[in-house]
Amino acid sequence: MAMQAREIEAMIKEALPDAKIEIRDLAGDGDHYSAIVVSEAFRGLTRVKQHQLVYNALQGKMGGQLHALALQTSAPA
């Protein structure tokens, strides 16, 4: 069962309430998304740690309900 973009956004927002999030369905199939996530929580963290915060927010759905997520993360400018 595929995930909806709004569900992905809600899960990320729950973990990172200040996040600015832009999600695109890359293939129109509900399985392949790209996400840009900007949050103060990322400040001072490595890119790997930033991505781990987002993946943790998705509560294990990566690789199952959500097949692919091209992720770009950053702290606000």
C-alpha atoms as a PDB file:
ATOM      1  CA  MET A   1       0.000   0.000   0.000  1.00  0.00           C
ATOM      2  CA  ALA A   2       1.477   3.328  -1.102  1.00  0.00           C
ATOM      3  CA  MET A   3       1.738   6.418   1.089  1.00  0.00           C
ATOM      4  CA  GLN A   4       0.214   9.777   0.282  1.00  0.00           C
ATOM      5  CA  ALA A   5       2.436  12.878   0.256  1.00  0.00           C
ATOM      6  CA  ARG A   6       0.301  14.486   2.975  1.00  0.00           C
ATOM      7  CA  GLU A   7       0.869  11.449   5.228  1.00  0.00           C
ATOM      8  CA  ILE A   8       4.640  11.722   4.782  1.00  0.00           C
ATOM      9  CA  GLU A   9       4.493  15.447   5.518  1.00  0.00           C
ATOM     10  CA  ALA A  10       2.358  14.900   8.646  1.00  0.00           C
ATOM     11  CA  MET A  11       4.785  12.324  10.043  1.00  0.00           C
ATOM     12  CA  ILE A  12       7.784  14.597   9.463  1.00  0.00           C
ATOM     13  CA  LYS A  13       5.915  17.589  10.974  1.00  0.00           C
ATOM     14  CA  GLU A  14       5.072  15.559  14.061  1.00  0.00           C
ATOM     15  CA  ALA A  15       8.773  14.865  14.697  1.00  0.00           C
ATOM     16  CA  LEU A  16      10.052  18.255  13.451  1.00  0.00           C
ATOM     17  CA  PRO A  17       7.245  20.786  14.119  1.00  0.00           C
ATOM     18  CA  ASP A  18       9.179  23.770  12.746  1.00  0.00           C
ATOM     19  CA  ALA A  19      10.045  22.027   9.476  1.00  0.00           C
ATOM     20  CA  LYS A  20       9.329  23.547   6.095  1.00  0.00           C
ATOM     21  CA  ILE A  21       8.573  20.581   3.844  1.00  0.00           C
ATOM     22  CA  GLU A  22       8.176  20.219   0.082  1.00  0.00           C
ATOM     23  CA  ILE A  23       7.220  16.781  -1.223  1.00  0.00           C
ATOM     24  CA  ARG A  24       6.908  15.682  -4.855  1.00  0.00           C
ATOM     25  CA  ASP A  25       5.630  12.371  -6.202  1.00  0.00           C
ATOM     26  CA  LEU A  26       8.355  11.565  -8.733  1.00  0.00           C
ATOM     27  CA  ALA A  27       6.648   8.758 -10.632  1.00  0.00           C
ATOM     28  CA  GLY A  28       2.959   9.347  -9.912  1.00  0.00           C
ATOM     29  CA  ASP A  29       2.764   5.949  -8.222  1.00  0.00           C
ATOM     30  CA  GLY A  30       2.783   6.953  -4.553  1.00  0.00           C
ATOM     31  CA  ASP A  31       5.998   4.981  -4.013  1.00  0.00           C
ATOM     32  CA  HIS A  32       8.739   7.327  -5.267  1.00  0.00           C
ATOM     33  CA  TYR A  33       8.973  10.754  -3.660  1.00  0.00           C
ATOM     34  CA  SER A  34      11.442  13.559  -3.234  1.00  0.00           C
ATOM     35  CA  ALA A  35      11.391  15.715  -0.133  1.00  0.00           C
ATOM     36  CA  ILE A  36      13.087  18.938   0.830  1.00  0.00           C
ATOM     37  CA  VAL A  37      13.049  19.420   4.583  1.00  0.00           C
ATOM     38  CA  VAL A  38      14.366  22.552   6.300  1.00  0.00           C
ATOM     39  CA  SER A  39      14.446  22.554  10.105  1.00  0.00           C
ATOM     40  CA  GLU A  40      16.357  24.286  12.865  1.00  0.00           C
ATOM     41  CA  ALA A  41      16.772  20.803  14.396  1.00  0.00           C
ATOM     42  CA  PHE A  42      19.328  20.079  11.652  1.00  0.00           C
ATOM     43  CA  ARG A  43      21.675  22.920  12.607  1.00  0.00           C
ATOM     44  CA  GLY A  44      25.152  21.590  13.402  1.00  0.00           C
ATOM     45  CA  LEU A  45      24.307  18.020  12.387  1.00  0.00           C
ATOM     46  CA  THR A  46      25.938  16.078   9.588  1.00  0.00           C
ATOM     47  CA  ARG A  47      23.837  15.313   6.535  1.00  0.00           C
ATOM     48  CA  VAL A  48      23.651  11.662   7.656  1.00  0.00           C
ATOM     49  CA  LYS A  49      22.266  12.670  11.078  1.00  0.00           C
ATOM     50  CA  GLN A  50      19.765  15.018   9.416  1.00  0.00           C
ATOM     51  CA  HIS A  51      18.519  12.219   7.176  1.00  0.00           C
ATOM     52  CA  GLN A  52      18.324   9.845  10.145  1.00  0.00           C
ATOM     53  CA  LEU A  53      15.990  12.288  11.910  1.00  0.00           C
ATOM     54  CA  VAL A  54      13.673  12.273   8.898  1.00  0.00           C
ATOM     55  CA  TYR A  55      13.802   8.476   8.481  1.00  0.00           C
ATOM     56  CA  ASN A  56      13.067   8.041  12.205  1.00  0.00           C
ATOM     57  CA  ALA A  57      10.047  10.318  11.780  1.00  0.00           C
ATOM     58  CA  LEU A  58       8.730   7.905   9.136  1.00  0.00           C
ATOM     59  CA  GLN A  59       8.545   5.168  11.784  1.00  0.00           C
ATOM     60  CA  GLY A  60       9.911   2.286   9.743  1.00  0.00           C
ATOM     61  CA  LYS A  61       7.752   2.867   6.655  1.00  0.00           C
ATOM     62  CA  MET A  62      10.820   3.365   4.409  1.00  0.00           C
ATOM     63  CA  GLY A  63      11.358   0.280   2.306  1.00  0.00           C
ATOM     64  CA  GLY A  64       7.812  -0.923   2.964  1.00  0.00           C
ATOM     65  CA  GLN A  65       4.925   1.452   2.319  1.00  0.00           C
ATOM     66  CA  LEU A  66       7.376   4.053   1.055  1.00  0.00           C
ATOM     67  CA  HIS A  67       9.697   2.550  -1.527  1.00  0.00           C
ATOM     68  CA  ALA A  68      11.976   5.514  -2.324  1.00  0.00           C
ATOM     69  CA  LEU A  69      12.549   8.982  -0.891  1.00  0.00           C
ATOM     70  CA  ALA A  70      15.125  11.313  -2.448  1.00  0.00           C
ATOM     71  CA  LEU A  71      15.910  13.527   0.521  1.00  0.00           C
ATOM     72  CA  GLN A  72      17.456  17.011   0.782  1.00  0.00           C
ATOM     73  CA  THR A  73      17.815  18.459   4.277  1.00  0.00           C
ATOM     74  CA  SER A  74      19.205  21.690   5.689  1.00  0.00           C
ATOM     75  CA  ALA A  75      18.937  24.163   8.536  1.00  0.00           C
ATOM     76  CA  PRO A  76      17.292  27.512   7.723  1.00  0.00           C
ATOM     77  CA  ALA A  77      19.577  30.106   6.168  1.00  0.00           C
END
